[in-house]
Protein backbone atom coordinates (compact mmCIF):
# COMPACT_ATOMS: atom_id res chain seq x y z
CA UNK A 1 95.47 257.77 38.37
CA UNK A 2 97.85 257.68 35.44
CA UNK A 3 100.74 256.83 37.80
CA UNK A 4 98.66 254.02 39.36
CA UNK A 5 97.97 252.56 35.92
CA UNK A 6 101.68 252.72 35.04
CA UNK A 7 102.70 250.91 38.24
CA UNK A 8 99.93 248.36 37.77
CA UNK A 9 101.10 247.72 34.19
CA UNK A 10 104.69 247.27 35.40
CA UNK A 11 103.65 244.74 38.05
CA UNK A 12 101.57 242.81 35.54
CA UNK A 13 104.46 242.93 33.06
CA UNK A 14 106.92 241.53 35.61
CA UNK A 15 104.46 238.80 36.53
CA UNK A 16 104.17 237.83 32.89
CA UNK A 17 107.96 237.76 32.52
CA UNK A 18 108.17 235.40 35.51
CA UNK A 19 105.54 233.14 33.96
CA UNK A 20 107.21 233.16 30.55
CA UNK A 21 110.73 232.70 31.94
CA UNK A 22 110.91 230.11 34.74
CA UNK A 23 114.55 231.15 35.40
CA UNK A 24 113.59 234.70 36.42
CA UNK A 25 114.73 236.31 39.68
CA UNK A 26 116.83 233.50 41.17
CA UNK A 27 119.50 234.89 43.52
CA UNK A 28 121.93 232.05 44.15
CA UNK A 29 125.32 231.94 45.92
CA UNK A 30 127.72 229.10 45.00
CA UNK A 31 130.95 228.35 46.82
CA UNK A 32 133.56 225.61 47.00
CA UNK A 33 135.68 223.51 44.65
CA UNK A 34 138.26 225.29 42.51
CA UNK A 35 137.93 222.44 40.00
CA UNK A 36 134.26 223.31 39.49
CA UNK A 37 134.97 227.03 39.32
CA UNK A 38 135.36 227.41 35.51
CA UNK A 39 132.17 225.54 34.70
CA UNK A 40 130.12 227.17 37.48
CA UNK A 41 131.20 230.63 36.35
CA UNK A 42 130.17 229.99 32.75
CA UNK A 43 126.90 228.36 33.81
CA UNK A 44 126.14 231.40 35.98
CA UNK A 45 126.92 233.80 33.14
CA UNK A 46 124.73 231.93 30.65
CA UNK A 47 121.92 231.58 33.21
CA UNK A 48 122.05 235.33 33.86
CA UNK A 49 121.83 236.12 30.13
CA UNK A 50 118.61 234.11 29.99
CA UNK A 51 117.18 236.40 32.65
CA UNK A 52 117.69 233.88 35.41
CA UNK A 53 119.00 236.38 37.95
CA UNK A 54 122.29 236.85 39.73
CA UNK A 55 124.39 233.80 40.53
CA UNK A 56 127.68 234.50 42.32
CA UNK A 57 130.46 231.91 42.28
CA UNK A 58 133.60 231.70 44.42
CA UNK A 59 136.18 228.98 45.07
CA UNK A 60 138.15 228.08 48.17
CA UNK A 61 137.92 224.29 48.07
CA UNK A 62 135.23 221.65 48.45
CA UNK A 63 135.47 221.65 52.25
CA UNK A 64 135.06 225.43 52.37
CA UNK A 65 131.96 225.24 50.18
CA UNK A 66 130.35 222.48 52.24
CA UNK A 67 131.07 224.38 55.47
CA UNK A 68 129.41 227.44 53.93
CA UNK A 69 126.38 225.35 52.99
CA UNK A 70 126.10 224.04 56.56
CA UNK A 71 126.37 227.56 58.03
CA UNK A 72 123.91 228.95 55.49
CA UNK A 73 126.30 231.40 53.82
CA UNK A 74 125.88 229.79 50.40
CA UNK A 75 122.99 228.11 48.56
CA UNK A 76 125.01 225.55 46.60
CA UNK A 77 128.31 223.91 47.56
CA UNK A 78 130.37 222.84 44.54
CA UNK A 79 132.56 219.84 45.36
CA UNK A 80 135.03 217.54 43.64
CA UNK A 81 134.49 214.85 46.29
CA UNK A 82 131.44 213.35 48.01
CA UNK A 83 130.16 214.94 51.20
CA UNK A 84 131.59 213.22 54.29
CA UNK A 85 129.52 211.49 56.96
CA UNK A 86 130.38 214.09 59.61
CA UNK A 87 129.43 216.91 57.22
CA UNK A 88 126.04 215.29 56.65
CA UNK A 89 125.65 215.01 60.42
CA UNK A 90 126.41 218.72 60.86
CA UNK A 91 123.81 219.57 58.21
CA UNK A 92 121.27 217.42 60.01
CA UNK A 93 122.10 219.14 63.31
CA UNK A 94 121.49 222.46 61.55
CA UNK A 95 118.04 221.21 60.53
CA UNK A 96 118.96 220.73 56.88
CA UNK A 97 118.84 217.75 54.52
CA UNK A 98 121.54 217.70 51.81
CA UNK A 99 120.73 216.91 48.19
CA UNK A 100 123.58 215.57 46.02
CA UNK A 101 123.60 216.16 42.26
CA UNK A 102 126.34 215.07 39.85
CA UNK A 103 126.77 217.87 37.31
CA UNK A 104 129.80 216.60 35.35
CA UNK A 105 132.79 214.24 35.33
CA UNK A 106 136.45 215.22 35.39
CA UNK A 107 139.68 213.48 34.43
CA UNK A 108 142.33 214.40 36.98
CA UNK A 109 145.59 215.16 35.16
CA UNK A 110 149.11 214.79 36.58
CA UNK A 111 151.26 217.63 35.23
CA UNK A 112 154.99 218.40 35.04
CA UNK A 113 157.17 221.14 33.56
CA UNK A 114 157.28 220.96 29.72
CA UNK A 115 161.10 220.81 29.79
CA UNK A 116 161.02 217.53 31.70
CA UNK A 117 161.43 214.62 29.20
CA UNK A 118 159.37 212.16 31.30
CA UNK A 119 156.09 211.35 29.53
CA UNK A 120 154.44 208.67 31.65
CA UNK A 121 154.22 207.23 35.16
CA UNK A 122 152.46 204.32 36.82
CA UNK A 123 150.06 204.76 39.72
CA UNK A 124 152.65 203.11 41.99
CA UNK A 125 155.32 205.60 40.91
CA UNK A 126 152.95 208.50 41.58
CA UNK A 127 152.18 207.10 45.01
CA UNK A 128 155.89 206.87 45.81
CA UNK A 129 156.56 210.40 44.54
CA UNK A 130 153.78 211.98 46.58
CA UNK A 131 154.61 209.96 49.72
CA UNK A 132 158.28 210.93 49.44
CA UNK A 133 159.78 207.52 48.61
CA UNK A 134 160.92 208.69 45.16
CA UNK A 135 162.64 212.07 45.28
CA UNK A 136 164.64 212.29 42.04
CA UNK A 137 163.43 212.12 38.44
CA UNK A 138 166.24 209.71 37.54
CA UNK A 139 164.42 207.06 39.62
CA UNK A 140 161.58 207.07 37.07
CA UNK A 141 163.63 207.34 33.87
CA UNK A 142 164.13 211.09 33.88
CA UNK A 143 167.11 213.41 34.40
CA UNK A 144 169.13 213.67 37.62
CA UNK A 145 166.91 216.36 39.09
CA UNK A 146 165.11 216.77 42.42
CA UNK A 147 161.35 216.25 42.29
CA UNK A 148 159.40 219.23 43.64
CA UNK A 149 155.91 218.07 44.57
CA UNK A 150 152.91 220.41 44.56
CA UNK A 151 149.50 219.52 45.96
CA UNK A 152 146.24 221.25 46.80
CA UNK A 153 145.64 222.07 50.45
CA UNK A 154 143.66 219.80 52.76
CA UNK A 155 140.33 221.63 52.27
CA UNK A 156 140.40 220.65 48.59
CA UNK A 157 138.30 217.77 47.30
CA UNK A 158 140.96 217.16 44.66
CA UNK A 159 143.55 216.68 47.45
CA UNK A 160 141.35 214.02 49.03
CA UNK A 161 140.44 212.31 45.75
CA UNK A 162 144.09 212.05 44.72
CA UNK A 163 145.06 210.68 48.14
CA UNK A 164 142.30 208.06 48.06
CA UNK A 165 142.40 206.92 44.43
CA UNK A 166 146.03 207.43 43.40
CA UNK A 167 147.93 207.16 46.68
CA UNK A 168 145.62 204.45 48.11
CA UNK A 169 145.14 206.54 51.28
CA UNK A 170 148.86 206.82 52.03
CA UNK A 171 149.90 210.12 53.65
CA UNK A 172 151.45 212.92 51.64
CA UNK A 173 155.13 213.55 52.34
CA UNK A 174 155.87 216.47 54.68
CA UNK A 175 157.97 217.98 51.88
CA UNK A 176 154.92 218.38 49.60
CA UNK A 177 154.11 222.04 48.93
CA UNK A 178 150.43 222.91 49.43
CA UNK A 179 148.84 225.36 47.03
CA UNK A 180 145.68 227.39 47.79
CA UNK A 181 144.20 227.02 44.30
CA UNK A 182 144.51 224.96 41.12
CA UNK A 183 145.79 227.96 39.19
CA UNK A 184 148.66 228.24 41.68
CA UNK A 185 149.70 224.66 40.89
CA UNK A 186 149.75 225.42 37.15
CA UNK A 187 151.86 228.52 37.77
CA UNK A 188 154.29 226.71 40.10
CA UNK A 189 154.78 223.73 37.78
CA UNK A 190 155.32 226.10 34.85
CA UNK A 191 158.09 227.91 36.74
CA UNK A 192 159.85 224.87 38.30
CA UNK A 193 161.70 222.38 36.09
CA UNK A 194 161.52 219.52 38.58
CA UNK A 195 157.90 220.10 39.54
CA UNK A 196 154.93 217.73 39.53
CA UNK A 197 151.31 218.39 40.52
CA UNK A 198 147.73 217.50 39.65
CA UNK A 199 144.85 219.54 38.22
CA UNK A 200 141.36 219.11 36.81
CA UNK A 201 141.12 218.56 33.06
CA UNK A 202 139.66 222.02 32.39
CA UNK A 203 142.84 223.66 33.73
CA UNK A 204 145.24 221.99 31.29
CA UNK A 205 147.16 224.37 29.03
CA UNK A 206 150.43 224.56 27.08
CA UNK A 207 152.32 225.91 30.08
CA UNK A 208 152.42 222.42 31.63
CA UNK A 209 152.73 218.85 30.31
CA UNK A 210 150.15 216.21 31.21
CA UNK A 211 151.55 212.73 31.85
CA UNK A 212 150.16 209.45 30.60
CA UNK A 213 149.15 207.27 33.55
CA UNK A 214 148.93 203.49 33.97
CA UNK A 215 147.25 201.52 36.74
CA UNK A 216 148.38 198.12 35.43
CA UNK A 217 151.97 199.09 34.60
CA UNK A 218 151.46 198.23 30.92
CA UNK A 219 148.93 200.52 29.27
CA UNK A 220 149.64 204.24 29.60
CA UNK A 221 146.80 206.63 28.72
CA UNK A 222 146.80 210.42 28.46
CA UNK A 223 144.12 212.49 30.22
CA UNK A 224 141.53 213.75 27.75
CA UNK A 225 137.77 214.08 27.40
CA UNK A 226 137.76 211.27 24.82
CA UNK A 227 139.74 208.90 27.05
CA UNK A 228 137.58 209.72 30.04
CA UNK A 229 134.44 209.01 28.01
CA UNK A 230 135.70 205.66 26.71
CA UNK A 231 136.88 204.80 30.25
CA UNK A 232 140.50 204.08 29.23
CA UNK A 233 141.93 206.89 31.40
CA UNK A 234 141.95 205.57 34.98
CA UNK A 235 141.64 208.77 37.06
CA UNK A 236 138.08 210.02 36.52
CA UNK A 237 135.74 211.42 39.15
CA UNK A 238 132.29 213.00 39.43
CA UNK A 239 131.81 216.69 40.24
CA UNK A 240 128.97 217.57 42.61
CA UNK A 241 126.57 220.31 43.57
CA UNK A 242 125.11 220.07 47.08
CA UNK A 243 122.19 222.07 48.38
CA UNK A 244 119.69 221.84 51.20
CA UNK A 245 116.33 220.33 50.26
CA UNK A 246 114.80 223.07 52.44
CA UNK A 247 116.16 225.54 49.87
CA UNK A 248 115.22 223.57 46.74
CA UNK A 249 112.69 226.06 45.40
CA UNK A 250 115.33 228.79 45.28
CA UNK A 251 118.07 226.77 43.56
CA UNK A 252 115.94 224.57 41.27
CA UNK A 253 115.82 226.96 38.28
CA UNK A 254 119.62 227.15 38.19
CA UNK A 255 120.02 223.41 38.81
CA UNK A 256 117.58 222.67 35.98
CA UNK A 257 119.60 224.92 33.68
CA UNK A 258 122.92 223.23 34.54
CA UNK A 259 121.42 219.79 33.86
CA UNK A 260 119.68 220.89 30.66
CA UNK A 261 121.20 220.20 27.21
CA UNK A 262 122.36 223.83 27.09
CA UNK A 263 123.98 223.59 30.52
CA UNK A 264 125.66 220.28 29.71
CA UNK A 265 127.02 221.75 26.48
CA UNK A 266 128.76 224.36 28.64
CA UNK A 267 130.21 221.51 30.74
CA UNK A 268 131.78 219.99 27.63
CA UNK A 269 132.94 223.33 26.21
CA UNK A 270 134.83 224.04 29.45
CA UNK A 271 136.65 220.72 29.17
CA UNK A 272 134.71 218.37 31.44
CA UNK A 273 132.54 215.35 30.58
CA UNK A 274 128.75 215.69 30.52
CA UNK A 275 126.61 213.44 32.69
CA UNK A 276 124.86 211.88 29.68
CA UNK A 277 128.10 210.41 28.29
């Protein structure tokens, strides 16, 4: 009888915890964009400390995350690009309806080795570098040095965003070196004097130099949270979470946390731009 009372008290206690804490017992799997990785990891950690339950986060690229969402091996796909029409079709064929939520904004930074004296480039120059028309830094006011171009691989949303918005849908040169993760681009640019690549704002550090960019050929603006907020920096994009509406009850507590003032403060602390700005 005493044991029964103890178990009964425990059940009642857990029920009360669930009522008091709406975040309790969520078990959520997130997969996808490497750009979103830093913010998702910190959101998951903070959510867990509030008693929200386990949230596991892995990268691999936006396309990988969306494929996992379609197959049902993740609950939330993090993406640095919008879901494509054919991906939405595949979700529909799987009996699922996707829900798109913007969780933050990101300024995409073009980075070079700190020893390179070049400080700025136009969009047109970037297009020509990544399509292979410009191959030496002396062609853009730099030293006589071969340009080594690094890009994310094709499954990356950042790869697609850069191609669409900076290269105006021109094809990458065959000489471009594809990297499996954003961190690999940072490491490669750090180690290669003639290197150039692109990364999300949250990945910027002193090991690489971010270039000022101009779309009009006159005004060059550096990538920063402030310049993204005041809309002077031209390469800004939304970051997305996708989930199936069929699974909304499971993911809603975590989604609510990410979109809350506390969750959006984490977004800004990581180095992205909150959705309220």
